[in-house]
Amino acid sequence: MSELTQSPGESAEGYRGATAATAAGITYRQLDYWARTELVAPTVQPAHGSGSQRLYSFRDILVLKLVKRLLETGISLQQIRIAVDQLHAEGIEDLAGTTLMSDGASVYLCTSSDEVIDLVNRGQGVFGIAVGAVLREVETTLITIDAIRAGVATDDLAAKRASRAS
């Protein structure tokens, strides 16, 4: 996938909050909080008062999943906000080749293997998150969610989930 604008199963209207939360592996409460605090706001349709519905793009869901991963590694919310702002400010359309590196305190956006190597050589890279791998996880989850909702079992586990949901 060369550009992260729309997933194969995504409609032009975007994904509802519950689907976005499930695909990102977060609770709906986290999703709501992150949207209200503008950590990761929905880009397809923000909420417009009580009863309105937020709609998230595939890219939004990817960023939600990345935020979750960074929180799990102990990165502060302040540093995560900086990283999210960097992702938006850079205007990177192809995140599949991007790696988020961290030294445990700061987050670095690396768009080439040379940048990753440079960070590691300077002793700054403790761990990295390959955005391309997270992208594929989100895609797979969304396809599975769509298939279950459509009543199509994609594998044995999906068939069991679908039968329990019925």
C-alpha atoms as a PDB file:
ATOM      1  CA  MET A   1       0.000   0.000   0.000  1.00  0.00           C
ATOM      2  CA  SER A   2       1.718   3.165  -1.118  1.00  0.00           C
ATOM      3  CA  GLU A   3      -0.625   5.743   0.363  1.00  0.00           C
ATOM      4  CA  LEU A   4      -2.537   5.663   3.609  1.00  0.00           C
ATOM      5  CA  THR A   5      -5.749   7.350   2.707  1.00  0.00           C
ATOM      6  CA  GLN A   6      -8.264   4.523   2.598  1.00  0.00           C
ATOM      7  CA  SER A   7      -8.238   0.866   3.538  1.00  0.00           C
ATOM      8  CA  PRO A   8      -9.762  -1.649   1.121  1.00  0.00           C
ATOM      9  CA  GLY A   9     -12.816  -2.199   3.334  1.00  0.00           C
ATOM     10  CA  GLU A  10     -13.290   1.452   4.287  1.00  0.00           C
ATOM     11  CA  SER A  11     -16.216   3.415   2.992  1.00  0.00           C
ATOM     12  CA  ALA A  12     -15.829   7.057   2.014  1.00  0.00           C
ATOM     13  CA  GLU A  13     -17.734   7.925   5.211  1.00  0.00           C
ATOM     14  CA  GLY A  14     -15.054   6.504   7.502  1.00  0.00           C
ATOM     15  CA  TYR A  15     -15.231   4.247  10.556  1.00  0.00           C
ATOM     16  CA  ARG A  16     -17.476   4.775  13.566  1.00  0.00           C
ATOM     17  CA  GLY A  17     -15.928   5.171  17.003  1.00  0.00           C
ATOM     18  CA  ALA A  18     -16.669   1.648  18.218  1.00  0.00           C
ATOM     19  CA  THR A  19     -14.989   0.132  15.148  1.00  0.00           C
ATOM     20  CA  ALA A  20     -12.012   2.489  15.460  1.00  0.00           C
ATOM     21  CA  ALA A  21     -11.571   1.599  19.145  1.00  0.00           C
ATOM     22  CA  THR A  22     -11.777  -2.136  18.460  1.00  0.00           C
ATOM     23  CA  ALA A  23      -9.328  -1.951  15.553  1.00  0.00           C
ATOM     24  CA  ALA A  24      -6.867   0.104  17.617  1.00  0.00           C
ATOM     25  CA  GLY A  25      -7.198  -2.202  20.620  1.00  0.00           C
ATOM     26  CA  ILE A  26      -8.352   0.544  22.975  1.00  0.00           C
ATOM     27  CA  THR A  27     -11.525   1.158  24.956  1.00  0.00           C
ATOM     28  CA  TYR A  28     -14.239   3.456  23.706  1.00  0.00           C
ATOM     29  CA  ARG A  29     -13.597   5.608  26.792  1.00  0.00           C
ATOM     30  CA  GLN A  30      -9.937   6.051  25.743  1.00  0.00           C
ATOM     31  CA  LEU A  31     -11.030   6.897  22.201  1.00  0.00           C
ATOM     32  CA  ASP A  32     -13.476   9.492  23.496  1.00  0.00           C
ATOM     33  CA  TYR A  33     -10.883  11.030  25.820  1.00  0.00           C
ATOM     34  CA  TRP A  34      -8.216  11.180  23.107  1.00  0.00           C
ATOM     35  CA  ALA A  35     -10.693  12.839  20.715  1.00  0.00           C
ATOM     36  CA  ARG A  36     -11.861  15.387  23.321  1.00  0.00           C
ATOM     37  CA  THR A  37      -8.260  16.260  24.254  1.00  0.00           C
ATOM     38  CA  GLU A  38      -7.336  16.329  20.547  1.00  0.00           C
ATOM     39  CA  LEU A  39      -4.579  13.755  20.926  1.00  0.00           C
ATOM     40  CA  VAL A  40      -6.066  11.874  17.989  1.00  0.00           C
ATOM     41  CA  ALA A  41      -9.086  13.636  16.569  1.00  0.00           C
ATOM     42  CA  PRO A  42     -11.254  12.038  13.883  1.00  0.00           C
ATOM     43  CA  THR A  43     -10.459  13.564  10.493  1.00  0.00           C
ATOM     44  CA  VAL A  44     -13.489  12.328   8.545  1.00  0.00           C
ATOM     45  CA  GLN A  45     -16.095  13.827  10.882  1.00  0.00           C
ATOM     46  CA  PRO A  46     -15.590  15.323  14.337  1.00  0.00           C
ATOM     47  CA  ALA A  47     -18.393  15.307  16.906  1.00  0.00           C
ATOM     48  CA  HIS A  48     -20.767  18.255  16.676  1.00  0.00           C
ATOM     49  CA  GLY A  49     -22.501  18.137  20.046  1.00  0.00           C
ATOM     50  CA  SER A  50     -24.483  15.482  21.816  1.00  0.00           C
ATOM     51  CA  GLY A  51     -25.685  12.623  19.665  1.00  0.00           C
ATOM     52  CA  SER A  52     -23.404  13.354  16.721  1.00  0.00           C
ATOM     53  CA  GLN A  53     -21.079  10.668  15.496  1.00  0.00           C
ATOM     54  CA  ARG A  54     -17.319  10.835  15.062  1.00  0.00           C
ATOM     55  CA  LEU A  55     -15.938   9.148  11.972  1.00  0.00           C
ATOM     56  CA  TYR A  56     -12.314   8.028  11.763  1.00  0.00           C
ATOM     57  CA  SER A  57     -10.149   7.436   8.708  1.00  0.00           C
ATOM     58  CA  PHE A  58      -7.879   4.429   8.331  1.00  0.00           C
ATOM     59  CA  ARG A  59      -4.916   6.702   9.050  1.00  0.00           C
ATOM     60  CA  ASP A  60      -6.615   7.921  12.268  1.00  0.00           C
ATOM     61  CA  ILE A  61      -6.999   4.319  13.429  1.00  0.00           C
ATOM     62  CA  LEU A  62      -3.344   3.646  12.629  1.00  0.00           C
ATOM     63  CA  VAL A  63      -2.316   6.649  14.738  1.00  0.00           C
ATOM     64  CA  LEU A  64      -4.599   5.440  17.569  1.00  0.00           C
ATOM     65  CA  LYS A  65      -2.852   2.047  17.504  1.00  0.00           C
ATOM     66  CA  LEU A  66       0.578   3.730  17.503  1.00  0.00           C
ATOM     67  CA  VAL A  67      -0.403   5.883  20.490  1.00  0.00           C
ATOM     68  CA  LYS A  68      -1.517   2.746  22.333  1.00  0.00           C
ATOM     69  CA  ARG A  69       1.822   1.039  21.577  1.00  0.00           C
ATOM     70  CA  LEU A  70       3.797   4.061  22.767  1.00  0.00           C
ATOM     71  CA  LEU A  71       1.777   4.242  25.998  1.00  0.00           C
ATOM     72  CA  GLU A  72       2.414   0.528  26.596  1.00  0.00           C
ATOM     73  CA  THR A  73       6.149   1.152  26.409  1.00  0.00           C
ATOM     74  CA  GLY A  74       5.969   3.838  29.083  1.00  0.00           C
ATOM     75  CA  ILE A  75       6.341   6.930  26.924  1.00  0.00           C
ATOM     76  CA  SER A  76       4.760   9.996  28.497  1.00  0.00           C
ATOM     77  CA  LEU A  77       1.601  11.435  27.013  1.00  0.00           C
ATOM     78  CA  GLN A  78       3.467  14.715  26.476  1.00  0.00           C
ATOM     79  CA  GLN A  79       6.081  12.962  24.290  1.00  0.00           C
ATOM     80  CA  ILE A  80       3.350  11.054  22.458  1.00  0.00           C
ATOM     81  CA  ARG A  81       1.606  14.352  21.653  1.00  0.00           C
ATOM     82  CA  ILE A  82       4.866  15.634  20.190  1.00  0.00           C
ATOM     83  CA  ALA A  83       5.239  12.460  18.099  1.00  0.00           C
ATOM     84  CA  VAL A  84       1.647  12.706  16.816  1.00  0.00           C
ATOM     85  CA  ASP A  85       2.200  16.373  15.961  1.00  0.00           C
ATOM     86  CA  GLN A  86       5.401  15.377  14.110  1.00  0.00           C
ATOM     87  CA  LEU A  87       3.491  12.791  12.086  1.00  0.00           C
ATOM     88  CA  HIS A  88       0.931  15.411  11.066  1.00  0.00           C
ATOM     89  CA  ALA A  89       3.476  18.228  10.530  1.00  0.00           C
ATOM     90  CA  GLU A  90       5.699  16.088   8.322  1.00  0.00           C
ATOM     91  CA  GLY A  91       2.726  15.360   6.120  1.00  0.00           C
ATOM     92  CA  ILE A  92       4.032  11.880   5.525  1.00  0.00           C
ATOM     93  CA  GLU A  93       1.671  10.119   3.166  1.00  0.00           C
ATOM     94  CA  ASP A  94       3.457   6.787   3.153  1.00  0.00           C
ATOM     95  CA  LEU A  95       3.854   5.744   6.759  1.00  0.00           C
ATOM     96  CA  ALA A  96       4.571   2.104   5.873  1.00  0.00           C
ATOM     97  CA  GLY A  97       8.302   2.829   5.662  1.00  0.00           C
ATOM     98  CA  THR A  98       8.411   4.871   8.868  1.00  0.00           C
ATOM     99  CA  THR A  99       9.810   3.695  12.196  1.00  0.00           C
ATOM    100  CA  LEU A 100       9.087   5.353  15.517  1.00  0.00           C
ATOM    101  CA  MET A 101      12.155   5.082  17.728  1.00  0.00           C
ATOM    102  CA  SER A 102      12.445   5.977  21.382  1.00  0.00           C
ATOM    103  CA  ASP A 103      15.084   6.191  24.054  1.00  0.00           C
ATOM    104  CA  GLY A 104      12.412   5.827  26.721  1.00  0.00           C
ATOM    105  CA  ALA A 105      11.959   9.584  27.089  1.00  0.00           C
ATOM    106  CA  SER A 106      11.662  11.031  23.590  1.00  0.00           C
ATOM    107  CA  VAL A 107      10.153   9.715  20.385  1.00  0.00           C
ATOM    108  CA  TYR A 108      11.941  10.064  17.049  1.00  0.00           C
ATOM    109  CA  LEU A 109      10.343   9.731  13.630  1.00  0.00           C
ATOM    110  CA  CYS A 110      12.662   7.873  11.268  1.00  0.00           C
ATOM    111  CA  THR A 111      11.770   7.721   7.584  1.00  0.00           C
ATOM    112  CA  SER A 112      14.818   5.809   6.401  1.00  0.00           C
ATOM    113  CA  SER A 113      16.990   2.968   7.619  1.00  0.00           C
ATOM    114  CA  ASP A 114      19.928   5.405   7.715  1.00  0.00           C
ATOM    115  CA  GLU A 115      18.082   7.512  10.305  1.00  0.00           C
ATOM    116  CA  VAL A 116      17.384   4.423  12.426  1.00  0.00           C
ATOM    117  CA  ILE A 117      21.037   3.343  12.257  1.00  0.00           C
ATOM    118  CA  ASP A 118      22.180   6.873  13.089  1.00  0.00           C
ATOM    119  CA  LEU A 119      19.960   6.984  16.183  1.00  0.00           C
ATOM    120  CA  VAL A 120      21.131   3.570  17.365  1.00  0.00           C
ATOM    121  CA  ASN A 121      24.793   4.503  16.766  1.00  0.00           C
ATOM    122  CA  ARG A 122      24.316   7.643  18.887  1.00  0.00           C
ATOM    123  CA  GLY A 123      22.872   5.436  21.632  1.00  0.00           C
ATOM    124  CA  GLN A 124      19.462   7.083  21.433  1.00  0.00           C
ATOM    125  CA  GLY A 125      17.340   4.245  20.083  1.00  0.00           C
ATOM    126  CA  VAL A 126      16.185   1.820  22.752  1.00  0.00           C
ATOM    127  CA  PHE A 127      13.218   0.406  20.866  1.00  0.00           C
ATOM    128  CA  GLY A 128      11.389   0.979  17.645  1.00  0.00           C
ATOM    129  CA  ILE A 129       7.905   0.497  16.264  1.00  0.00           C
ATOM    130  CA  ALA A 130       7.744  -0.395  12.580  1.00  0.00           C
ATOM    131  CA  VAL A 131       4.694   1.512  11.394  1.00  0.00           C
ATOM    132  CA  GLY A 132       4.269  -0.817   8.406  1.00  0.00           C
ATOM    133  CA  ALA A 133       3.717  -3.807  10.691  1.00  0.00           C
ATOM    134  CA  VAL A 134       1.162  -1.901  12.764  1.00  0.00           C
ATOM    135  CA  LEU A 135      -0.525  -0.787   9.540  1.00  0.00           C
ATOM    136  CA  ARG A 136      -0.954  -4.417   8.462  1.00  0.00           C
ATOM    137  CA  GLU A 137      -2.349  -5.336  11.906  1.00  0.00           C
ATOM    138  CA  VAL A 138      -4.960  -2.578  11.656  1.00  0.00           C
ATOM    139  CA  GLU A 139      -5.870  -3.611   8.098  1.00  0.00           C
ATOM    140  CA  THR A 140      -6.296  -7.240   9.129  1.00  0.00           C
ATOM    141  CA  THR A 141      -8.408  -6.295  12.148  1.00  0.00           C
ATOM    142  CA  LEU A 142     -10.686  -4.048  10.076  1.00  0.00           C
ATOM    143  CA  ILE A 143     -11.136  -6.732   7.413  1.00  0.00           C
ATOM    144  CA  THR A 144     -12.011  -9.266  10.130  1.00  0.00           C
ATOM    145  CA  ILE A 145     -14.487  -6.845  11.750  1.00  0.00           C
ATOM    146  CA  ASP A 146     -16.132  -6.193   8.367  1.00  0.00           C
ATOM    147  CA  ALA A 147     -16.306  -9.917   7.592  1.00  0.00           C
ATOM    148  CA  ILE A 148     -17.851 -10.762  10.963  1.00  0.00           C
ATOM    149  CA  ARG A 149     -20.440  -8.015  10.578  1.00  0.00           C
ATOM    150  CA  ALA A 150     -21.243  -9.292   7.082  1.00  0.00           C
ATOM    151  CA  GLY A 151     -21.572 -12.829   8.451  1.00  0.00           C
ATOM    152  CA  VAL A 152     -18.583 -14.135   6.521  1.00  0.00           C
ATOM    153  CA  ALA A 153     -16.135 -16.239   8.547  1.00  0.00           C
ATOM    154  CA  THR A 154     -12.532 -15.499   7.562  1.00  0.00           C
ATOM    155  CA  ASP A 155     -11.048 -18.325   9.651  1.00  0.00           C
ATOM    156  CA  ASP A 156     -12.003 -20.706  12.451  1.00  0.00           C
ATOM    157  CA  LEU A 157     -11.525 -18.086  15.151  1.00  0.00           C
ATOM    158  CA  ALA A 158     -13.639 -15.564  13.231  1.00  0.00           C
ATOM    159  CA  ALA A 159     -16.327 -18.210  12.721  1.00  0.00           C
ATOM    160  CA  LYS A 160     -16.431 -18.886  16.483  1.00  0.00           C
ATOM    161  CA  ARG A 161     -16.636 -15.166  17.251  1.00  0.00           C
ATOM    162  CA  ALA A 162     -19.405 -14.717  14.694  1.00  0.00           C
ATOM    163  CA  SER A 163     -21.391 -17.648  16.108  1.00  0.00           C
ATOM    164  CA  ARG A 164     -21.102 -16.229  19.643  1.00  0.00           C
ATOM    165  CA  ALA A 165     -22.239 -12.799  18.465  1.00  0.00           C
ATOM    166  CA  SER A 166     -25.379 -14.221  16.852  1.00  0.00           C
END
